[in-house]
Amino acid sequence: MIGRRKKTDRRLNIALIGCGRASTDHLKAIHFFEKRRFVELKAIVDKNEQAIESALASRPAQFKRPLLSDNFDEILEKTPIDLTVIATPPAFHFPLSVKALDAHSHLIVEKPLTLDMGEAEEMIALAQERKRKLAVGMKYRYIPGVREIKDFIDSGAFGDVLYGSTAVRWGHDQAYYDQAPWFGTWERDGGALMNQSIHAVDLMAWLMSAEPLTATAVLLRQCHEMEAADLAVGTLTLRGNRLLHIEGTTNTNPEAKSASFFLRCERGTVSASLAGGTPKISVIGDDGKKHEKRLLLNALKNRIKREGFGVIGKLGNPYTFLYGNMLDAIEKDRVPIAHGEAGRDALTIVLSLFQAGREGRTVSYPPVDFTLRDMHGLFDE
């Protein structure tokens, strides 16, 4: 039974590390729960003072000014932190996560969780050892209605899942990759599949309860001056005689970004798209019966029951529901919807596709003794 979120005696102290573009929606979500006295933004950390000032400019005037620093260690020395949000470039996720967990802080880490499978395993193990919650910013899981669709699929109403397909056409011009030396590199960015498409990879694997067996892929660098691939097309064979097809590219029109999802079951089809910021969803059985309106209405009712009518204005920001879910996970000792293992699995899928593309063959899942370092020179040989 879903009930209204109840106030607690003490707010959770939050530290936000990283004030780049990924931090914007995090701050909106933090402010939503700060206004309701569930959390307090205690600290902001970034090496760039201008980035910190930009983050502060969006902060409502009635809130306390957080501690500001370019060093997370300094913050930990000054105040206890209950929840650390890491929104830095991926290369910094692991060392910052270790510091936060060693300080007994819960964690929200932006996608990808990390770019190395060994690091991902260490983060998960350390969170379990410290009895801290670890969530990953896989925001598609938190879009209202997605959890309800997942439950509908799992109920077997359409029979078994047969196959799925996703295409992420998230165009970027060369200026995007010229922003910083690490953009578009293999080891620190991962290219179109790892950076722009991992949300979709995670969502489809989750909806399908995927257990990958093998991977095949083609990787190309077509339109950008960068090290990694700006087009990746691959297929995963899954346990149960099923397939998941994945396309990810940044070669399309930057002004017309889109993502599409298709899931075929024995007796029905689930499809969705996101274009121009507008989502479309269809859940239709082979008998012609449509289910999406009921599922979306239930999703809306559930969110309002939990967070109040004020959440209606936040429906377009999935991070609102990521933070709500994290508060529930901490309070009730539950596993977050996008837990650390989900971040590890999405990373592993992408690395499997990279290995298949690098070696020009079908490879077994998960990859063994394969890292992003092995991708160097792919297009220069």
Protein backbone atom coordinates (compact mmCIF):
# COMPACT_ATOMS: atom_id res chain seq x y z
CA MET A 1 0.00 0.00 0.00
CA ILE A 2 1.46 3.34 -1.08
CA GLY A 3 1.13 6.12 1.49
CA ARG A 4 2.24 9.71 1.79
CA ARG A 5 5.92 10.13 2.58
CA LYS A 6 6.25 10.88 6.29
CA LYS A 7 8.58 13.45 7.79
CA THR A 8 11.44 12.15 9.91
CA ASP A 9 13.21 13.75 12.87
CA ARG A 10 16.38 14.40 10.91
CA ARG A 11 17.10 15.48 7.37
CA LEU A 12 19.70 13.67 5.28
CA ASN A 13 22.79 15.75 4.60
CA ILE A 14 23.65 15.68 0.89
CA ALA A 15 26.94 16.50 -0.82
CA LEU A 16 26.90 17.09 -4.57
CA ILE A 17 30.21 16.49 -6.33
CA GLY A 18 30.36 17.83 -9.87
CA CYS A 19 28.47 20.82 -11.28
CA GLY A 20 28.45 20.00 -14.98
CA ARG A 21 25.39 19.48 -17.17
CA ALA A 22 24.46 16.26 -15.34
CA SER A 23 24.03 18.17 -12.08
CA THR A 24 21.12 20.34 -13.23
CA ASP A 25 18.36 17.75 -12.81
CA HIS A 26 19.98 16.42 -9.65
CA LEU A 27 19.76 19.88 -8.10
CA LYS A 28 16.10 20.24 -9.08
CA ALA A 29 15.32 16.94 -7.39
CA ILE A 30 17.34 17.82 -4.29
CA HIS A 31 15.52 21.15 -4.02
CA PHE A 32 12.16 19.39 -4.29
CA PHE A 33 12.90 17.22 -1.26
CA GLU A 34 14.76 19.98 0.56
CA LYS A 35 11.67 22.17 0.39
CA ARG A 36 9.75 19.33 2.03
CA ARG A 37 12.40 19.02 4.76
CA PHE A 38 13.57 15.52 3.94
CA VAL A 39 17.11 16.50 2.92
CA GLU A 40 19.53 19.39 3.11
CA LEU A 41 22.14 20.20 0.50
CA LYS A 42 25.08 20.50 2.85
CA ALA A 43 27.96 20.82 0.37
CA ILE A 44 28.87 21.38 -3.27
CA VAL A 45 32.24 20.26 -4.61
CA ASP A 46 33.81 21.13 -7.95
CA LYS A 47 37.24 22.16 -9.20
CA ASN A 48 35.64 24.94 -11.26
CA GLU A 49 34.49 27.94 -9.19
CA GLN A 50 32.34 29.23 -12.03
CA ALA A 51 30.51 25.91 -12.22
CA ILE A 52 29.78 26.11 -8.48
CA GLU A 53 28.45 29.64 -8.86
CA SER A 54 26.18 28.50 -11.69
CA ALA A 55 24.83 25.75 -9.44
CA LEU A 56 24.21 28.25 -6.65
CA ALA A 57 22.37 30.58 -9.04
CA SER A 58 19.64 27.96 -9.45
CA ARG A 59 19.25 27.50 -5.70
CA PRO A 60 16.08 28.97 -4.11
CA ALA A 61 16.86 31.93 -1.87
CA GLN A 62 15.16 30.45 1.22
CA PHE A 63 17.60 27.55 1.44
CA LYS A 64 20.81 27.64 3.47
CA ARG A 65 24.03 28.23 1.60
CA PRO A 66 25.94 24.94 1.40
CA LEU A 67 29.62 24.51 2.11
CA LEU A 68 31.67 25.04 -1.04
CA SER A 69 34.96 23.39 -1.86
CA ASP A 70 37.16 21.97 -4.59
CA ASN A 71 38.09 19.05 -2.34
CA PHE A 72 35.71 16.37 -1.04
CA ASP A 73 38.11 15.47 1.78
CA GLU A 74 37.74 18.99 3.16
CA ILE A 75 33.95 18.61 3.25
CA LEU A 76 34.16 15.26 5.04
CA GLU A 77 36.38 16.84 7.69
CA LYS A 78 33.85 19.61 8.34
CA THR A 79 30.47 17.87 8.36
CA PRO A 80 28.90 14.40 8.26
CA ILE A 81 27.42 13.48 4.88
CA ASP A 82 24.56 10.98 4.68
CA LEU A 83 24.19 10.87 0.89
CA THR A 84 26.88 11.68 -1.66
CA VAL A 85 25.89 12.45 -5.24
CA ILE A 86 28.71 11.97 -7.75
CA ALA A 87 28.04 13.79 -11.03
CA THR A 88 31.62 14.09 -12.25
CA PRO A 89 33.19 12.67 -15.41
CA PRO A 90 33.22 8.83 -15.19
CA ALA A 91 36.95 8.52 -14.50
CA PHE A 92 36.44 10.04 -11.05
CA HIS A 93 33.46 7.92 -10.00
CA PHE A 94 35.46 5.12 -8.41
CA PRO A 95 37.91 7.05 -6.19
CA LEU A 96 35.19 9.44 -5.00
CA SER A 97 32.81 6.57 -4.30
CA VAL A 98 35.42 4.84 -2.16
CA LYS A 99 35.92 8.02 -0.13
CA ALA A 100 32.19 8.45 0.36
CA LEU A 101 31.62 4.84 1.36
CA ASP A 102 34.59 4.92 3.74
CA ALA A 103 32.84 7.90 5.36
CA HIS A 104 29.70 5.73 5.68
CA SER A 105 27.71 7.78 3.17
CA HIS A 106 25.04 6.38 0.88
CA LEU A 107 25.72 6.96 -2.84
CA ILE A 108 24.04 8.12 -6.01
CA VAL A 109 26.51 7.83 -8.90
CA GLU A 110 25.84 9.20 -12.37
CA LYS A 111 25.97 6.84 -15.33
CA PRO A 112 28.01 4.95 -16.21
CA LEU A 113 28.71 3.61 -12.72
CA THR A 114 32.36 3.36 -13.73
CA LEU A 115 34.25 2.40 -16.88
CA ASP A 116 35.98 -0.65 -15.43
CA MET A 117 34.31 -3.90 -14.34
CA GLY A 118 36.77 -4.48 -11.52
CA GLU A 119 36.05 -1.03 -10.09
CA ALA A 120 32.32 -1.64 -10.37
CA GLU A 121 32.62 -4.88 -8.40
CA GLU A 122 34.70 -3.14 -5.72
CA MET A 123 32.14 -0.35 -5.35
CA ILE A 124 29.28 -2.84 -4.98
CA ALA A 125 31.21 -4.95 -2.47
CA LEU A 126 32.26 -1.93 -0.40
CA ALA A 127 28.69 -0.59 -0.30
CA GLN A 128 27.49 -3.98 0.95
CA GLU A 129 30.28 -4.16 3.52
CA ARG A 130 29.47 -0.66 4.82
CA LYS A 131 25.74 -1.40 4.68
CA ARG A 132 25.21 1.67 2.49
CA LYS A 133 22.81 2.07 -0.45
CA LEU A 134 24.29 2.52 -3.93
CA ALA A 135 22.12 3.80 -6.76
CA VAL A 136 23.10 4.64 -10.33
CA GLY A 137 21.67 7.52 -12.39
CA MET A 138 19.93 5.21 -14.87
CA LYS A 139 17.11 7.69 -15.18
CA TYR A 140 14.91 5.85 -17.70
CA ARG A 141 13.97 3.37 -14.96
CA TYR A 142 12.50 6.25 -12.97
CA ILE A 143 10.27 7.80 -15.66
CA PRO A 144 6.71 7.57 -14.28
CA GLY A 145 4.97 4.59 -15.84
CA VAL A 146 8.11 2.59 -16.61
CA ARG A 147 8.00 0.63 -13.35
CA GLU A 148 4.32 -0.10 -13.93
CA ILE A 149 5.08 -1.35 -17.46
CA LYS A 150 7.88 -3.52 -16.07
CA ASP A 151 5.46 -5.05 -13.56
CA PHE A 152 2.89 -5.59 -16.33
CA ILE A 153 5.44 -7.42 -18.49
CA ASP A 154 6.61 -9.50 -15.52
CA SER A 155 3.01 -10.48 -14.76
CA GLY A 156 2.95 -12.51 -17.97
CA ALA A 157 -0.12 -10.72 -19.30
CA PHE A 158 1.44 -10.75 -22.79
CA GLY A 159 3.18 -14.08 -22.35
CA ASP A 160 6.94 -14.52 -22.57
CA VAL A 161 9.21 -11.79 -23.92
CA LEU A 162 10.56 -12.73 -27.37
CA TYR A 163 12.89 -9.96 -28.47
CA GLY A 164 13.65 -6.29 -28.03
CA SER A 165 15.22 -3.45 -29.96
CA THR A 166 16.40 0.04 -29.04
CA ALA A 167 17.86 2.86 -31.13
CA VAL A 168 19.47 5.94 -29.60
CA ARG A 169 20.10 8.67 -32.18
CA TRP A 170 21.53 11.37 -29.97
CA GLY A 171 23.27 13.71 -32.39
CA HIS A 172 26.26 15.84 -31.38
CA ASP A 173 28.36 18.14 -33.50
CA GLN A 174 32.14 18.31 -33.39
CA ALA A 175 32.02 21.17 -30.89
CA TYR A 176 30.57 18.78 -28.32
CA TYR A 177 33.60 16.52 -28.55
CA ASP A 178 35.97 19.48 -28.55
CA GLN A 179 34.80 20.63 -25.10
CA ALA A 180 37.45 18.65 -23.25
CA PRO A 181 40.29 16.29 -24.22
CA TRP A 182 38.57 13.26 -22.63
CA PHE A 183 35.34 13.61 -24.62
CA GLY A 184 35.11 10.87 -27.24
CA THR A 185 38.02 8.83 -25.87
CA TRP A 186 37.75 5.12 -25.20
CA GLU A 187 39.03 5.01 -21.63
CA ARG A 188 37.33 8.10 -20.18
CA ASP A 189 34.15 8.45 -22.28
CA GLY A 190 33.46 5.27 -24.24
CA GLY A 191 31.86 6.93 -27.25
CA ALA A 192 28.25 6.91 -28.40
CA LEU A 193 27.33 3.51 -26.99
CA MET A 194 28.78 3.95 -23.50
CA ASN A 195 27.97 7.63 -23.00
CA GLN A 196 24.79 8.45 -24.89
CA SER A 197 23.15 5.01 -25.13
CA ILE A 198 23.74 3.30 -21.79
CA HIS A 199 20.40 4.53 -20.37
CA ALA A 200 18.58 2.69 -23.16
CA VAL A 201 20.78 -0.41 -22.83
CA ASP A 202 19.96 -0.57 -19.14
CA LEU A 203 16.23 0.00 -19.65
CA MET A 204 15.83 -2.72 -22.26
CA ALA A 205 17.89 -5.23 -20.28
CA TRP A 206 15.75 -4.47 -17.21
CA LEU A 207 12.41 -4.73 -19.00
CA MET A 208 13.46 -8.03 -20.55
CA SER A 209 15.05 -9.41 -17.35
CA ALA A 210 17.93 -10.08 -19.72
CA GLU A 211 20.54 -12.74 -19.08
CA PRO A 212 23.02 -12.22 -21.92
CA LEU A 213 24.89 -15.19 -23.38
CA THR A 214 26.76 -13.80 -26.41
CA ALA A 215 27.32 -10.50 -28.21
CA THR A 216 28.04 -9.42 -31.77
CA ALA A 217 28.64 -5.84 -32.92
CA VAL A 218 29.93 -3.47 -35.58
CA LEU A 219 31.65 -0.26 -34.45
CA LEU A 220 32.38 2.69 -36.73
CA ARG A 221 33.81 6.18 -36.48
CA GLN A 222 32.10 8.08 -39.27
CA CYS A 223 31.55 11.77 -38.63
CA HIS A 224 33.65 13.02 -35.73
CA GLU A 225 37.29 13.62 -34.92
CA MET A 226 37.46 11.41 -31.85
CA GLU A 227 39.06 8.19 -30.69
CA ALA A 228 35.97 6.09 -29.95
CA ALA A 229 33.04 4.98 -32.12
CA ASP A 230 30.24 7.40 -33.00
CA LEU A 231 28.11 4.51 -34.33
CA ALA A 232 27.61 1.12 -32.71
CA VAL A 233 25.16 -1.58 -33.78
CA GLY A 234 25.02 -4.86 -31.89
CA THR A 235 22.94 -7.85 -30.88
CA LEU A 236 22.83 -9.77 -27.63
CA THR A 237 21.57 -13.33 -27.52
CA LEU A 238 19.78 -13.89 -24.23
CA ARG A 239 18.93 -16.94 -22.20
CA GLY A 240 15.54 -18.33 -23.22
CA ASN A 241 16.01 -18.09 -27.01
CA ARG A 242 15.64 -14.29 -27.06
CA LEU A 243 17.45 -11.36 -28.70
CA LEU A 244 18.16 -7.73 -27.85
CA HIS A 245 19.22 -5.44 -30.73
CA ILE A 246 21.00 -2.18 -29.87
CA GLU A 247 21.89 0.86 -31.98
CA GLY A 248 23.63 3.93 -30.60
CA THR A 249 24.97 6.90 -32.55
CA THR A 250 25.80 10.59 -32.28
CA ASN A 251 25.86 11.06 -36.07
CA THR A 252 22.28 12.33 -36.37
CA ASN A 253 20.91 15.88 -36.28
CA PRO A 254 21.81 17.45 -32.90
CA GLU A 255 18.51 19.35 -33.03
CA ALA A 256 16.46 16.16 -33.39
CA LYS A 257 17.65 13.80 -30.66
CA SER A 258 15.56 10.65 -30.30
CA ALA A 259 15.43 7.27 -28.60
CA SER A 260 13.08 4.41 -29.41
CA PHE A 261 12.22 1.14 -27.71
CA PHE A 262 10.40 -1.95 -28.99
CA LEU A 263 9.56 -5.05 -27.03
CA ARG A 264 7.71 -7.99 -28.55
CA CYS A 265 6.00 -10.58 -26.35
CA GLU A 266 4.04 -13.67 -27.33
CA ARG A 267 0.68 -11.90 -27.24
CA GLY A 268 1.43 -8.19 -27.31
CA THR A 269 3.84 -5.37 -28.01
CA VAL A 270 5.32 -2.60 -25.88
CA SER A 271 6.84 0.36 -27.70
CA ALA A 272 7.99 3.81 -26.69
CA SER A 273 9.84 6.76 -28.13
CA LEU A 274 11.37 9.99 -26.94
CA ALA A 275 11.75 12.72 -29.55
CA GLY A 276 12.00 16.44 -29.01
CA GLY A 277 11.55 15.83 -25.30
CA THR A 278 8.11 14.30 -25.90
CA PRO A 279 7.54 10.69 -24.82
CA LYS A 280 5.10 8.32 -26.54
CA ILE A 281 4.13 4.93 -25.11
CA SER A 282 2.05 2.05 -26.47
CA VAL A 283 1.17 -1.17 -24.66
CA ILE A 284 -1.18 -3.13 -26.90
CA GLY A 285 -2.23 -6.75 -26.92
CA ASP A 286 -2.76 -8.81 -30.04
CA ASP A 287 -6.48 -8.69 -29.18
CA GLY A 288 -6.37 -4.94 -29.80
CA LYS A 289 -6.74 -3.98 -26.16
CA LYS A 290 -4.63 -0.97 -25.13
CA HIS A 291 -3.18 -0.80 -21.63
CA GLU A 292 -0.94 2.27 -21.59
CA LYS A 293 -3.53 4.77 -20.30
CA ARG A 294 -4.39 2.62 -17.29
CA LEU A 295 -0.73 1.99 -16.49
CA LEU A 296 0.22 5.66 -16.81
CA LEU A 297 -2.77 6.76 -14.73
CA ASN A 298 -1.81 4.31 -12.01
CA ALA A 299 1.74 5.65 -12.15
CA LEU A 300 0.51 9.21 -11.70
CA LYS A 301 -1.77 8.25 -8.80
CA ASN A 302 1.06 6.38 -7.09
CA ARG A 303 3.46 9.31 -7.36
CA ILE A 304 0.88 11.78 -6.05
CA LYS A 305 0.00 9.51 -3.13
CA ARG A 306 3.68 9.27 -2.21
CA GLU A 307 4.90 12.84 -2.78
CA GLY A 308 1.77 15.02 -2.86
CA PHE A 309 0.25 17.07 -5.67
CA GLY A 310 3.39 19.19 -5.89
CA VAL A 311 5.07 16.33 -7.71
CA ILE A 312 2.92 16.94 -10.80
CA GLY A 313 5.22 19.74 -11.87
CA LYS A 314 8.22 17.41 -11.51
CA LEU A 315 6.99 14.55 -13.69
CA GLY A 316 9.40 15.52 -16.46
CA ASN A 317 12.44 15.05 -14.21
CA PRO A 318 13.07 11.35 -13.51
CA TYR A 319 15.67 12.26 -10.89
CA THR A 320 12.84 13.40 -8.62
CA PHE A 321 11.76 9.78 -8.42
CA LEU A 322 15.32 8.48 -8.20
CA TYR A 323 15.78 10.55 -5.02
CA GLY A 324 12.37 9.52 -3.68
CA ASN A 325 13.25 5.88 -4.26
CA MET A 326 16.63 6.39 -2.58
CA LEU A 327 14.99 7.93 0.48
CA ASP A 328 12.70 4.88 0.65
CA ALA A 329 15.66 2.52 0.23
CA ILE A 330 17.53 4.18 3.10
CA GLU A 331 14.54 4.45 5.42
CA LYS A 332 13.14 0.96 4.81
CA ASP A 333 16.38 -0.86 4.01
CA ARG A 334 15.33 -1.69 0.45
CA VAL A 335 17.33 -2.12 -2.72
CA PRO A 336 17.17 0.96 -5.01
CA ILE A 337 15.44 0.46 -8.36
CA ALA A 338 18.68 1.24 -10.23
CA HIS A 339 21.09 -0.44 -7.84
CA GLY A 340 24.83 -0.85 -8.19
CA GLU A 341 24.49 -4.24 -9.85
CA ALA A 342 22.35 -2.64 -12.57
CA GLY A 343 25.13 -0.17 -13.29
CA ARG A 344 27.67 -2.98 -13.41
CA ASP A 345 25.51 -5.06 -15.75
CA ALA A 346 24.92 -2.19 -18.19
CA LEU A 347 28.67 -1.57 -18.26
CA THR A 348 29.32 -5.26 -18.87
CA ILE A 349 26.88 -5.37 -21.79
CA VAL A 350 28.57 -2.40 -23.45
CA LEU A 351 32.03 -3.89 -22.92
CA SER A 352 30.83 -7.18 -24.45
CA LEU A 353 29.66 -5.33 -27.55
CA PHE A 354 32.96 -3.46 -27.69
CA GLN A 355 34.92 -6.69 -27.49
CA ALA A 356 32.79 -8.24 -30.25
CA GLY A 357 33.32 -5.20 -32.48
CA ARG A 358 37.02 -5.02 -31.68
CA GLU A 359 37.67 -8.68 -32.43
CA GLY A 360 35.17 -9.04 -35.29
CA ARG A 361 33.50 -12.11 -33.84
CA THR A 362 30.74 -13.31 -31.57
CA VAL A 363 31.99 -13.23 -27.98
CA SER A 364 30.73 -14.82 -24.79
CA TYR A 365 29.16 -12.76 -22.01
CA PRO A 366 30.58 -11.50 -19.72
CA PRO A 367 33.90 -10.48 -21.26
CA VAL A 368 37.01 -11.91 -19.60
CA ASP A 369 40.24 -9.94 -19.27
CA PHE A 370 38.87 -7.15 -21.46
CA THR A 371 38.96 -3.43 -20.65
CA LEU A 372 38.56 -0.16 -22.52
CA ARG A 373 42.33 -0.01 -22.86
CA ASP A 374 41.98 -2.86 -25.37
CA MET A 375 40.02 -0.54 -27.67
CA HIS A 376 42.95 1.78 -28.36
CA GLY A 377 43.88 2.08 -32.02
CA LEU A 378 40.77 0.36 -33.37
CA PHE A 379 40.26 2.89 -36.17
CA ASP A 380 43.94 3.63 -36.73
CA GLU A 381 45.12 0.17 -37.73
